[in-house]
Amino acid sequence: MRVQYGHDRVSGNPHRSLLPGAVDHHDLPLIGNYGVNPEDVESAGVQAEAFLLKEYLPFPSNYRSQGSLGDYLKESGVLGLEGIDTRALTRHLRNFGAMRSAASTEVLDPEP
């Protein structure tokens, strides 16, 4: 059985981040359409150091939304990266297990 959690439940739940500095990712194709509601946050802040997404929708449409996921991450000082093949990442983690990682916006190997 697969259970889906909203990004507010996952990123704000201290029990979901097993290690300090965890990088959170979602393999759902579109994240951000629900927005963020402070009533749904389960801890004092975002528990992940970075949030990886396939596609981000910056304009939430849920009637309960009090702000966007992007603004919530920015206010919390958490890096959000869009355009990641999160399904491939999920398969990789399933095959090889949890591992150290780094997320950055800096291009270390620019194309010539």
PDB file of N, CA and C in Angstrom:
ATOM      1  N   MET A   1       0.843  -1.173   0.000  1.00  0.00           N
ATOM      2  CA  MET A   1       0.000   0.000   0.000  1.00  0.00           C
ATOM      3  C   MET A   1       0.891   1.240   0.000  1.00  0.00           C
ATOM      4  N   ARG A   2       0.562   2.189  -0.817  1.00  0.00           N
ATOM      5  CA  ARG A   2       1.329   3.432  -0.908  1.00  0.00           C
ATOM      6  C   ARG A   2       0.492   4.559  -0.328  1.00  0.00           C
ATOM      7  N   VAL A   3       1.095   5.327   0.537  1.00  0.00           N
ATOM      8  CA  VAL A   3       0.406   6.456   1.156  1.00  0.00           C
ATOM      9  C   VAL A   3       1.031   7.734   0.619  1.00  0.00           C
ATOM     10  N   GLN A   4       0.224   8.665   0.204  1.00  0.00           N
ATOM     11  CA  GLN A   4       0.734   9.945  -0.279  1.00  0.00           C
ATOM     12  C   GLN A   4       0.532  11.005   0.796  1.00  0.00           C
ATOM     13  N   TYR A   5       1.563  11.790   1.001  1.00  0.00           N
ATOM     14  CA  TYR A   5       1.508  12.906   1.928  1.00  0.00           C
ATOM     15  C   TYR A   5       1.688  14.191   1.141  1.00  0.00           C
ATOM     16  N   GLY A   6       1.078  15.259   1.607  1.00  0.00           N
ATOM     17  CA  GLY A   6       1.301  16.558   0.994  1.00  0.00           C
ATOM     18  C   GLY A   6       2.674  17.080   1.375  1.00  0.00           C
ATOM     19  N   HIS A   7       3.206  18.015   0.575  1.00  0.00           N
ATOM     20  CA  HIS A   7       4.541  18.538   0.852  1.00  0.00           C
ATOM     21  C   HIS A   7       4.612  19.213   2.209  1.00  0.00           C
ATOM     22  N   ASP A   8       3.505  19.801   2.679  1.00  0.00           N
ATOM     23  CA  ASP A   8       3.525  20.451   3.987  1.00  0.00           C
ATOM     24  C   ASP A   8       3.682  19.435   5.102  1.00  0.00           C
ATOM     25  N   ARG A   9       3.096  18.258   4.952  1.00  0.00           N
ATOM     26  CA  ARG A   9       3.219  17.206   5.964  1.00  0.00           C
ATOM     27  C   ARG A   9       4.630  16.620   5.963  1.00  0.00           C
ATOM     28  N   VAL A  10       5.182  16.401   4.802  1.00  0.00           N
ATOM     29  CA  VAL A  10       6.495  15.772   4.701  1.00  0.00           C
ATOM     30  C   VAL A  10       7.590  16.732   5.118  1.00  0.00           C
ATOM     31  N   SER A  11       7.590  17.934   4.577  1.00  0.00           N
ATOM     32  CA  SER A  11       8.688  18.862   4.853  1.00  0.00           C
ATOM     33  C   SER A  11       8.651  19.399   6.270  1.00  0.00           C
ATOM     34  N   GLY A  12       7.481  19.432   6.886  1.00  0.00           N
ATOM     35  CA  GLY A  12       7.375  19.988   8.231  1.00  0.00           C
ATOM     36  C   GLY A  12       7.281  18.960   9.329  1.00  0.00           C
ATOM     37  N   ASN A  13       7.363  17.679   9.017  1.00  0.00           N
ATOM     38  CA  ASN A  13       7.230  16.633  10.008  1.00  0.00           C
ATOM     39  C   ASN A  13       8.622  16.180  10.459  1.00  0.00           C
ATOM     40  N   PRO A  14       8.979  16.398  11.742  1.00  0.00           N
ATOM     41  CA  PRO A  14      10.317  16.047  12.197  1.00  0.00           C
ATOM     42  C   PRO A  14      10.606  14.543  12.141  1.00  0.00           C
ATOM     43  N   HIS A  15       9.596  13.707  12.092  1.00  0.00           N
ATOM     44  CA  HIS A  15       9.793  12.262  12.048  1.00  0.00           C
ATOM     45  C   HIS A  15      10.105  11.763  10.643  1.00  0.00           C
ATOM     46  N   ARG A  16       9.892  12.581   9.618  1.00  0.00           N
ATOM     47  CA  ARG A  16      10.154  12.166   8.241  1.00  0.00           C
ATOM     48  C   ARG A  16      11.623  12.322   7.871  1.00  0.00           C
ATOM     49  N   SER A  17      12.320  13.256   8.480  1.00  0.00           N
ATOM     50  CA  SER A  17      13.740  13.441   8.198  1.00  0.00           C
ATOM     51  C   SER A  17      14.534  12.610   9.196  1.00  0.00           C
ATOM     52  N   LEU A  18      15.093  11.519   8.729  1.00  0.00           N
ATOM     53  CA  LEU A  18      15.776  10.599   9.619  1.00  0.00           C
ATOM     54  C   LEU A  18      17.148  11.102  10.029  1.00  0.00           C
ATOM     55  N   LEU A  19      17.788  11.884   9.201  1.00  0.00           N
ATOM     56  CA  LEU A  19      19.123  12.383   9.487  1.00  0.00           C
ATOM     57  C   LEU A  19      19.158  13.892   9.333  1.00  0.00           C
ATOM     58  N   PRO A  20      19.986  14.573  10.130  1.00  0.00           N
ATOM     59  CA  PRO A  20      20.146  16.016   9.920  1.00  0.00           C
ATOM     60  C   PRO A  20      20.672  16.272   8.507  1.00  0.00           C
ATOM     61  N   GLY A  21      20.174  17.301   7.869  1.00  0.00           N
ATOM     62  CA  GLY A  21      20.632  17.644   6.527  1.00  0.00           C
ATOM     63  C   GLY A  21      19.992  16.832   5.424  1.00  0.00           C
ATOM     64  N   ALA A  22      18.878  16.189   5.690  1.00  0.00           N
ATOM     65  CA  ALA A  22      18.226  15.345   4.692  1.00  0.00           C
ATOM     66  C   ALA A  22      17.742  16.172   3.497  1.00  0.00           C
ATOM     67  N   VAL A  23      17.796  15.550   2.330  1.00  0.00           N
ATOM     68  CA  VAL A  23      17.266  16.138   1.106  1.00  0.00           C
ATOM     69  C   VAL A  23      15.948  15.437   0.813  1.00  0.00           C
ATOM     70  N   ASP A  24      14.892  16.200   0.675  1.00  0.00           N
ATOM     71  CA  ASP A  24      13.558  15.656   0.465  1.00  0.00           C
ATOM     72  C   ASP A  24      13.210  15.724  -1.015  1.00  0.00           C
ATOM     73  N   HIS A  25      12.541  14.703  -1.516  1.00  0.00           N
ATOM     74  CA  HIS A  25      12.093  14.742  -2.912  1.00  0.00           C
ATOM     75  C   HIS A  25      10.733  14.068  -3.021  1.00  0.00           C
ATOM     76  N   HIS A  26      10.005  14.464  -4.048  1.00  0.00           N
ATOM     77  CA  HIS A  26       8.684  13.897  -4.318  1.00  0.00           C
ATOM     78  C   HIS A  26       8.667  13.387  -5.748  1.00  0.00           C
ATOM     79  N   ASP A  27       8.118  12.193  -5.930  1.00  0.00           N
ATOM     80  CA  ASP A  27       8.061  11.673  -7.295  1.00  0.00           C
ATOM     81  C   ASP A  27       6.720  11.948  -7.966  1.00  0.00           C
ATOM     82  N   LEU A  28       5.882  12.734  -7.322  1.00  0.00           N
ATOM     83  CA  LEU A  28       4.668  13.197  -7.998  1.00  0.00           C
ATOM     84  C   LEU A  28       5.077  14.236  -9.036  1.00  0.00           C
ATOM     85  N   PRO A  29       4.416  14.277 -10.180  1.00  0.00           N
ATOM     86  CA  PRO A  29       4.892  15.147 -11.266  1.00  0.00           C
ATOM     87  C   PRO A  29       4.704  16.646 -11.030  1.00  0.00           C
ATOM     88  N   LEU A  30       3.767  17.044 -10.194  1.00  0.00           N
ATOM     89  CA  LEU A  30       3.495  18.473 -10.013  1.00  0.00           C
ATOM     90  C   LEU A  30       3.324  18.758  -8.526  1.00  0.00           C
ATOM     91  N   ILE A  31       4.113  19.679  -8.008  1.00  0.00           N
ATOM     92  CA  ILE A  31       4.076  20.030  -6.592  1.00  0.00           C
ATOM     93  C   ILE A  31       3.873  21.541  -6.480  1.00  0.00           C
ATOM     94  N   GLY A  32       3.085  21.952  -5.518  1.00  0.00           N
ATOM     95  CA  GLY A  32       2.906  23.370  -5.248  1.00  0.00           C
ATOM     96  C   GLY A  32       1.493  23.860  -5.456  1.00  0.00           C
ATOM     97  N   ASN A  33       0.647  23.064  -6.101  1.00  0.00           N
ATOM     98  CA  ASN A  33      -0.703  23.537  -6.413  1.00  0.00           C
ATOM     99  C   ASN A  33      -1.587  23.680  -5.176  1.00  0.00           C
ATOM    100  N   TYR A  34      -1.259  23.026  -4.074  1.00  0.00           N
ATOM    101  CA  TYR A  34      -2.046  23.184  -2.846  1.00  0.00           C
ATOM    102  C   TYR A  34      -1.595  24.376  -2.020  1.00  0.00           C
ATOM    103  N   GLY A  35      -0.354  24.782  -2.183  1.00  0.00           N
ATOM    104  CA  GLY A  35       0.164  25.873  -1.375  1.00  0.00           C
ATOM    105  C   GLY A  35       0.490  25.407   0.029  1.00  0.00           C
ATOM    106  N   VAL A  36       0.640  26.355   0.945  1.00  0.00           N
ATOM    107  CA  VAL A  36       0.997  26.048   2.328  1.00  0.00           C
ATOM    108  C   VAL A  36       0.005  26.736   3.252  1.00  0.00           C
ATOM    109  N   ASN A  37      -0.401  26.022   4.288  1.00  0.00           N
ATOM    110  CA  ASN A  37      -1.267  26.576   5.319  1.00  0.00           C
ATOM    111  C   ASN A  37      -0.573  26.358   6.659  1.00  0.00           C
ATOM    112  N   PRO A  38      -0.292  27.423   7.434  1.00  0.00           N
ATOM    113  CA  PRO A  38       0.399  27.269   8.719  1.00  0.00           C
ATOM    114  C   PRO A  38      -0.287  26.293   9.669  1.00  0.00           C
ATOM    115  N   GLU A  39      -1.588  26.118   9.546  1.00  0.00           N
ATOM    116  CA  GLU A  39      -2.307  25.182  10.414  1.00  0.00           C
ATOM    117  C   GLU A  39      -1.889  23.736  10.163  1.00  0.00           C
ATOM    118  N   ASP A  40      -1.330  23.439   9.002  1.00  0.00           N
ATOM    119  CA  ASP A  40      -0.953  22.076   8.647  1.00  0.00           C
ATOM    120  C   ASP A  40       0.502  21.740   8.968  1.00  0.00           C
ATOM    121  N   VAL A  41       1.299  22.730   9.305  1.00  0.00           N
ATOM    122  CA  VAL A  41       2.719  22.503   9.584  1.00  0.00           C
ATOM    123  C   VAL A  41       2.841  21.799  10.932  1.00  0.00           C
ATOM    124  N   GLU A  42       3.688  20.760  10.990  1.00  0.00           N
ATOM    125  CA  GLU A  42       3.766  19.908  12.176  1.00  0.00           C
ATOM    126  C   GLU A  42       4.992  20.141  13.048  1.00  0.00           C
ATOM    127  N   SER A  43       5.834  21.115  12.724  1.00  0.00           N
ATOM    128  CA  SER A  43       7.010  21.394  13.556  1.00  0.00           C
ATOM    129  C   SER A  43       7.370  22.867  13.437  1.00  0.00           C
ATOM    130  N   ALA A  44       8.456  23.242  14.109  1.00  0.00           N
ATOM    131  CA  ALA A  44       8.868  24.648  14.127  1.00  0.00           C
ATOM    132  C   ALA A  44       9.416  25.124  12.792  1.00  0.00           C
ATOM    133  N   GLY A  45       9.702  24.232  11.878  1.00  0.00           N
ATOM    134  CA  GLY A  45      10.236  24.640  10.587  1.00  0.00           C
ATOM    135  C   GLY A  45      10.393  23.465   9.650  1.00  0.00           C
ATOM    136  N   VAL A  46      10.877  23.753   8.464  1.00  0.00           N
ATOM    137  CA  VAL A  46      11.115  22.714   7.464  1.00  0.00           C
ATOM    138  C   VAL A  46      12.253  21.834   7.962  1.00  0.00           C
ATOM    139  N   GLN A  47      12.083  20.531   7.875  1.00  0.00           N
ATOM    140  CA  GLN A  47      13.063  19.592   8.404  1.00  0.00           C
ATOM    141  C   GLN A  47      14.118  19.177   7.385  1.00  0.00           C
ATOM    142  N   ALA A  48      13.913  19.483   6.125  1.00  0.00           N
ATOM    143  CA  ALA A  48      14.873  19.112   5.078  1.00  0.00           C
ATOM    144  C   ALA A  48      15.793  20.291   4.763  1.00  0.00           C
ATOM    145  N   GLU A  49      16.977  19.989   4.271  1.00  0.00           N
ATOM    146  CA  GLU A  49      17.924  21.021   3.850  1.00  0.00           C
ATOM    147  C   GLU A  49      17.673  21.449   2.412  1.00  0.00           C
ATOM    148  N   ALA A  50      17.075  20.550   1.624  1.00  0.00           N
ATOM    149  CA  ALA A  50      16.763  20.847   0.229  1.00  0.00           C
ATOM    150  C   ALA A  50      15.508  20.086  -0.162  1.00  0.00           C
ATOM    151  N   PHE A  51      14.813  20.606  -1.160  1.00  0.00           N
ATOM    152  CA  PHE A  51      13.540  20.062  -1.611  1.00  0.00           C
ATOM    153  C   PHE A  51      13.621  19.919  -3.124  1.00  0.00           C
ATOM    154  N   LEU A  52      13.607  18.688  -3.632  1.00  0.00           N
ATOM    155  CA  LEU A  52      13.779  18.426  -5.059  1.00  0.00           C
ATOM    156  C   LEU A  52      12.442  18.090  -5.697  1.00  0.00           C
ATOM    157  N   LEU A  53      12.152  18.721  -6.838  1.00  0.00           N
ATOM    158  CA  LEU A  53      10.865  18.553  -7.508  1.00  0.00           C
ATOM    159  C   LEU A  53      11.047  18.343  -8.996  1.00  0.00           C
ATOM    160  N   LYS A  54      10.112  17.661  -9.605  1.00  0.00           N
ATOM    161  CA  LYS A  54      10.072  17.539 -11.068  1.00  0.00           C
ATOM    162  C   LYS A  54       9.546  18.844 -11.663  1.00  0.00           C
ATOM    163  N   GLU A  55       8.352  19.250 -11.213  1.00  0.00           N
ATOM    164  CA  GLU A  55       7.736  20.472 -11.741  1.00  0.00           C
ATOM    165  C   GLU A  55       7.044  21.210 -10.602  1.00  0.00           C
ATOM    166  N   TYR A  56       7.292  22.496 -10.518  1.00  0.00           N
ATOM    167  CA  TYR A  56       6.728  23.339  -9.464  1.00  0.00           C
ATOM    168  C   TYR A  56       5.672  24.264 -10.040  1.00  0.00           C
ATOM    169  N   LEU A  57       4.559  24.365  -9.334  1.00  0.00           N
ATOM    170  CA  LEU A  57       3.499  25.296  -9.712  1.00  0.00           C
ATOM    171  C   LEU A  57       3.500  26.439  -8.696  1.00  0.00           C
ATOM    172  N   PRO A  58       3.907  27.642  -9.092  1.00  0.00           N
ATOM    173  CA  PRO A  58       4.077  28.738  -8.137  1.00  0.00           C
ATOM    174  C   PRO A  58       2.786  29.416  -7.686  1.00  0.00           C
ATOM    175  N   PHE A  59       1.655  29.054  -8.287  1.00  0.00           N
ATOM    176  CA  PHE A  59       0.395  29.713  -7.952  1.00  0.00           C
ATOM    177  C   PHE A  59      -0.571  28.709  -7.339  1.00  0.00           C
ATOM    178  N   PRO A  60      -0.619  28.610  -5.991  1.00  0.00           N
ATOM    179  CA  PRO A  60      -1.499  27.631  -5.357  1.00  0.00           C
ATOM    180  C   PRO A  60      -2.968  27.956  -5.612  1.00  0.00           C
ATOM    181  N   SER A  61      -3.771  26.906  -5.709  1.00  0.00           N
ATOM    182  CA  SER A  61      -5.191  27.099  -6.005  1.00  0.00           C
ATOM    183  C   SER A  61      -6.108  26.587  -4.902  1.00  0.00           C
ATOM    184  N   ASN A  62      -5.556  26.044  -3.824  1.00  0.00           N
ATOM    185  CA  ASN A  62      -6.392  25.533  -2.746  1.00  0.00           C
ATOM    186  C   ASN A  62      -6.970  26.692  -1.938  1.00  0.00           C
ATOM    187  N   TYR A  63      -8.222  26.593  -1.576  1.00  0.00           N
ATOM    188  CA  TYR A  63      -8.883  27.686  -0.846  1.00  0.00           C
ATOM    189  C   TYR A  63      -8.291  27.882   0.548  1.00  0.00           C
ATOM    190  N   ARG A  64      -7.629  26.869   1.118  1.00  0.00           N
ATOM    191  CA  ARG A  64      -7.022  26.983   2.442  1.00  0.00           C
ATOM    192  C   ARG A  64      -5.599  27.551   2.393  1.00  0.00           C
ATOM    193  N   SER A  65      -5.042  27.690   1.218  1.00  0.00           N
ATOM    194  CA  SER A  65      -3.656  28.119   1.086  1.00  0.00           C
ATOM    195  C   SER A  65      -3.446  29.525   1.633  1.00  0.00           C
ATOM    196  N   GLN A  66      -2.359  29.668   2.398  1.00  0.00           N
ATOM    197  CA  GLN A  66      -1.978  30.976   2.925  1.00  0.00           C
ATOM    198  C   GLN A  66      -0.691  31.495   2.280  1.00  0.00           C
ATOM    199  N   GLY A  67      -0.134  30.705   1.372  1.00  0.00           N
ATOM    200  CA  GLY A  67       1.092  31.104   0.697  1.00  0.00           C
ATOM    201  C   GLY A  67       1.589  29.986  -0.196  1.00  0.00           C
ATOM    202  N   SER A  68       2.627  30.287  -0.962  1.00  0.00           N
ATOM    203  CA  SER A  68       3.165  29.290  -1.895  1.00  0.00           C
ATOM    204  C   SER A  68       4.257  28.458  -1.222  1.00  0.00           C
ATOM    205  N   LEU A  69       4.489  27.285  -1.766  1.00  0.00           N
ATOM    206  CA  LEU A  69       5.562  26.424  -1.280  1.00  0.00           C
ATOM    207  C   LEU A  69       6.906  27.122  -1.456  1.00  0.00           C
ATOM    208  N   GLY A  70       7.111  27.786  -2.589  1.00  0.00           N
ATOM    209  CA  GLY A  70       8.363  28.493  -2.838  1.00  0.00           C
ATOM    210  C   GLY A  70       8.654  29.546  -1.783  1.00  0.00           C
ATOM    211  N   ASP A  71       7.649  30.341  -1.433  1.00  0.00           N
ATOM    212  CA  ASP A  71       7.825  31.358  -0.394  1.00  0.00           C
ATOM    213  C   ASP A  71       8.127  30.718   0.962  1.00  0.00           C
ATOM    214  N   TYR A  72       7.435  29.628   1.254  1.00  0.00           N
ATOM    215  CA  TYR A  72       7.642  28.906   2.514  1.00  0.00           C
ATOM    216  C   TYR A  72       9.074  28.397   2.614  1.00  0.00           C
ATOM    217  N   LEU A  73       9.583  27.806   1.531  1.00  0.00           N
ATOM    218  CA  LEU A  73      10.959  27.314   1.534  1.00  0.00           C
ATOM    219  C   LEU A  73      11.958  28.465   1.644  1.00  0.00           C
ATOM    220  N   LYS A  74      11.707  29.543   0.902  1.00  0.00           N
ATOM    221  CA  LYS A  74      12.606  30.706   0.937  1.00  0.00           C
ATOM    222  C   LYS A  74      12.665  31.307   2.345  1.00  0.00           C
ATOM    223  N   GLU A  75      11.501  31.473   2.983  1.00  0.00           N
ATOM    224  CA  GLU A  75      11.455  32.018   4.346  1.00  0.00           C
ATOM    225  C   GLU A  75      12.175  31.114   5.339  1.00  0.00           C
ATOM    226  N   SER A  76      12.218  29.821   5.037  1.00  0.00           N
ATOM    227  CA  SER A  76      12.862  28.848   5.923  1.00  0.00           C
ATOM    228  C   SER A  76      14.330  28.634   5.582  1.00  0.00           C
ATOM    229  N   GLY A  77      14.825  29.274   4.522  1.00  0.00           N
ATOM    230  CA  GLY A  77      16.213  29.119   4.123  1.00  0.00           C
ATOM    231  C   GLY A  77      16.521  27.746   3.539  1.00  0.00           C
ATOM    232  N   VAL A  78      15.520  27.146   2.882  1.00  0.00           N
ATOM    233  CA  VAL A  78      15.676  25.806   2.316  1.00  0.00           C
ATOM    234  C   VAL A  78      15.761  25.913   0.793  1.00  0.00           C
ATOM    235  N   LEU A  79      16.745  25.251   0.217  1.00  0.00           N
ATOM    236  CA  LEU A  79      16.934  25.244  -1.224  1.00  0.00           C
ATOM    237  C   LEU A  79      15.835  24.420  -1.884  1.00  0.00           C
ATOM    238  N   GLY A  80      15.196  24.960  -2.894  1.00  0.00           N
ATOM    239  CA  GLY A  80      14.224  24.228  -3.695  1.00  0.00           C
ATOM    240  C   GLY A  80      14.724  24.134  -5.126  1.00  0.00           C
ATOM    241  N   LEU A  81      14.803  22.922  -5.670  1.00  0.00           N
ATOM    242  CA  LEU A  81      15.262  22.725  -7.041  1.00  0.00           C
ATOM    243  C   LEU A  81      14.179  22.050  -7.864  1.00  0.00           C
ATOM    244  N   GLU A  82      13.898  22.618  -9.023  1.00  0.00           N
ATOM    245  CA  GLU A  82      12.887  22.107  -9.945  1.00  0.00           C
ATOM    246  C   GLU A  82      13.586  21.541 -11.175  1.00  0.00           C
ATOM    247  N   GLY A  83      12.920  20.596 -11.839  1.00  0.00           N
ATOM    248  CA  GLY A  83      13.465  20.029 -13.063  1.00  0.00           C
ATOM    249  C   GLY A  83      14.276  18.762 -12.828  1.00  0.00           C
ATOM    250  N   ILE A  84      14.177  18.198 -11.646  1.00  0.00           N
ATOM    251  CA  ILE A  84      14.894  16.973 -11.292  1.00  0.00           C
ATOM    252  C   ILE A  84      14.039  15.773 -11.710  1.00  0.00           C
ATOM    253  N   ASP A  85      14.662  14.759 -12.288  1.00  0.00           N
ATOM    254  CA  ASP A  85      13.932  13.524 -12.610  1.00  0.00           C
ATOM    255  C   ASP A  85      13.774  12.738 -11.310  1.00  0.00           C
ATOM    256  N   THR A  86      12.766  13.088 -10.534  1.00  0.00           N
ATOM    257  CA  THR A  86      12.589  12.507  -9.203  1.00  0.00           C
ATOM    258  C   THR A  86      12.175  11.042  -9.254  1.00  0.00           C
ATOM    259  N   ARG A  87      11.543  10.609 -10.324  1.00  0.00           N
ATOM    260  CA  ARG A  87      11.190   9.187 -10.420  1.00  0.00           C
ATOM    261  C   ARG A  87      12.446   8.341 -10.618  1.00  0.00           C
ATOM    262  N   ALA A  88      13.382   8.835 -11.428  1.00  0.00           N
ATOM    263  CA  ALA A  88      14.656   8.137 -11.588  1.00  0.00           C
ATOM    264  C   ALA A  88      15.426   8.138 -10.265  1.00  0.00           C
ATOM    265  N   LEU A  89      15.371   9.244  -9.540  1.00  0.00           N
ATOM    266  CA  LEU A  89      16.029   9.324  -8.239  1.00  0.00           C
ATOM    267  C   LEU A  89      15.417   8.319  -7.270  1.00  0.00           C
ATOM    268  N   THR A  90      14.094   8.201  -7.275  1.00  0.00           N
ATOM    269  CA  THR A  90      13.416   7.230  -6.416  1.00  0.00           C
ATOM    270  C   THR A  90      13.850   5.806  -6.749  1.00  0.00           C
ATOM    271  N   ARG A  91      13.924   5.490  -8.043  1.00  0.00           N
ATOM    272  CA  ARG A  91      14.379   4.147  -8.444  1.00  0.00           C
ATOM    273  C   ARG A  91      15.815   3.895  -7.976  1.00  0.00           C
ATOM    274  N   HIS A  92      16.667   4.903  -8.131  1.00  0.00           N
ATOM    275  CA  HIS A  92      18.058   4.774  -7.706  1.00  0.00           C
ATOM    276  C   HIS A  92      18.144   4.515  -6.199  1.00  0.00           C
ATOM    277  N   LEU A  93      17.397   5.282  -5.421  1.00  0.00           N
ATOM    278  CA  LEU A  93      17.412   5.105  -3.970  1.00  0.00           C
ATOM    279  C   LEU A  93      16.828   3.759  -3.564  1.00  0.00           C
ATOM    280  N   ARG A  94      15.817   3.316  -4.292  1.00  0.00           N
ATOM    281  CA  ARG A  94      15.226   2.007  -4.006  1.00  0.00           C
ATOM    282  C   ARG A  94      16.239   0.892  -4.265  1.00  0.00           C
ATOM    283  N   ASN A  95      17.039   1.038  -5.314  1.00  0.00           N
ATOM    284  CA  ASN A  95      18.014   0.008  -5.664  1.00  0.00           C
ATOM    285  C   ASN A  95      19.274   0.048  -4.800  1.00  0.00           C
ATOM    286  N   PHE A  96      19.723   1.246  -4.420  1.00  0.00           N
ATOM    287  CA  PHE A  96      21.011   1.374  -3.737  1.00  0.00           C
ATOM    288  C   PHE A  96      20.917   1.871  -2.301  1.00  0.00           C
ATOM    289  N   GLY A  97      19.726   2.267  -1.860  1.00  0.00           N
ATOM    290  CA  GLY A  97      19.553   2.721  -0.491  1.00  0.00           C
ATOM    291  C   GLY A  97      19.909   4.182  -0.294  1.00  0.00           C
ATOM    292  N   ALA A  98      19.671   4.659   0.911  1.00  0.00           N
ATOM    293  CA  ALA A  98      19.966   6.052   1.246  1.00  0.00           C
ATOM    294  C   ALA A  98      21.465   6.291   1.149  1.00  0.00           C
ATOM    295  N   MET A  99      21.838   7.480   0.730  1.00  0.00           N
ATOM    296  CA  MET A  99      23.251   7.805   0.562  1.00  0.00           C
ATOM    297  C   MET A  99      23.465   9.300   0.780  1.00  0.00           C
ATOM    298  N   ARG A 100      24.703   9.663   0.932  1.00  0.00           N
ATOM    299  CA  ARG A 100      25.040  11.085   1.065  1.00  0.00           C
ATOM    300  C   ARG A 100      24.757  11.788  -0.259  1.00  0.00           C
ATOM    301  N   SER A 101      24.366  13.046  -0.163  1.00  0.00           N
ATOM    302  CA  SER A 101      24.082  13.802  -1.379  1.00  0.00           C
ATOM    303  C   SER A 101      24.363  15.275  -1.142  1.00  0.00           C
ATOM    304  N   ALA A 102      24.339  16.010  -2.214  1.00  0.00           N
ATOM    305  CA  ALA A 102      24.496  17.458  -2.155  1.00  0.00           C
ATOM    306  C   ALA A 102      23.562  18.070  -3.189  1.00  0.00           C
ATOM    307  N   ALA A 103      22.982  19.191  -2.853  1.00  0.00           N
ATOM    308  CA  ALA A 103      22.121  19.913  -3.783  1.00  0.00           C
ATOM    309  C   ALA A 103      22.640  21.340  -3.869  1.00  0.00           C
ATOM    310  N   SER A 104      22.778  21.832  -5.098  1.00  0.00           N
ATOM    311  CA  SER A 104      23.334  23.163  -5.290  1.00  0.00           C
ATOM    312  C   SER A 104      22.783  23.771  -6.569  1.00  0.00           C
ATOM    313  N   THR A 105      22.789  25.071  -6.637  1.00  0.00           N
ATOM    314  CA  THR A 105      22.418  25.766  -7.871  1.00  0.00           C
ATOM    315  C   THR A 105      23.658  26.147  -8.676  1.00  0.00           C
ATOM    316  N   GLU A 106      24.850  25.877  -8.148  1.00  0.00           N
ATOM    317  CA  GLU A 106      26.087  26.207  -8.823  1.00  0.00           C
ATOM    318  C   GLU A 106      26.407  25.146  -9.882  1.00  0.00           C
ATOM    319  N   VAL A 107      26.777  25.596 -11.067  1.00  0.00           N
ATOM    320  CA  VAL A 107      27.166  24.683 -12.141  1.00  0.00           C
ATOM    321  C   VAL A 107      28.666  24.415 -11.992  1.00  0.00           C
ATOM    322  N   LEU A 108      28.992  23.161 -11.711  1.00  0.00           N
ATOM    323  CA  LEU A 108      30.397  22.807 -11.489  1.00  0.00           C
ATOM    324  C   LEU A 108      31.101  22.370 -12.755  1.00  0.00           C
ATOM    325  N   ASP A 109      30.347  21.924 -13.756  1.00  0.00           N
ATOM    326  CA  ASP A 109      30.931  21.450 -15.014  1.00  0.00           C
ATOM    327  C   ASP A 109      30.184  22.089 -16.178  1.00  0.00           C
ATOM    328  N   PRO A 110      30.427  23.376 -16.458  1.00  0.00           N
ATOM    329  CA  PRO A 110      29.696  24.044 -17.528  1.00  0.00           C
ATOM    330  C   PRO A 110      30.026  23.451 -18.896  1.00  0.00           C
ATOM    331  N   GLU A 111      29.061  23.501 -19.773  1.00  0.00           N
ATOM    332  CA  GLU A 111      29.281  23.008 -21.145  1.00  0.00           C
ATOM    333  C   GLU A 111      30.214  23.972 -21.870  1.00  0.00           C
ATOM    334  N   PRO A 112      31.086  23.452 -22.739  1.00  0.00           N
ATOM    335  CA  PRO A 112      32.029  24.333 -23.463  1.00  0.00           C
ATOM    336  C   PRO A 112      31.332  25.228 -24.463  1.00  0.00           C
TER     337      PRO A 112
END
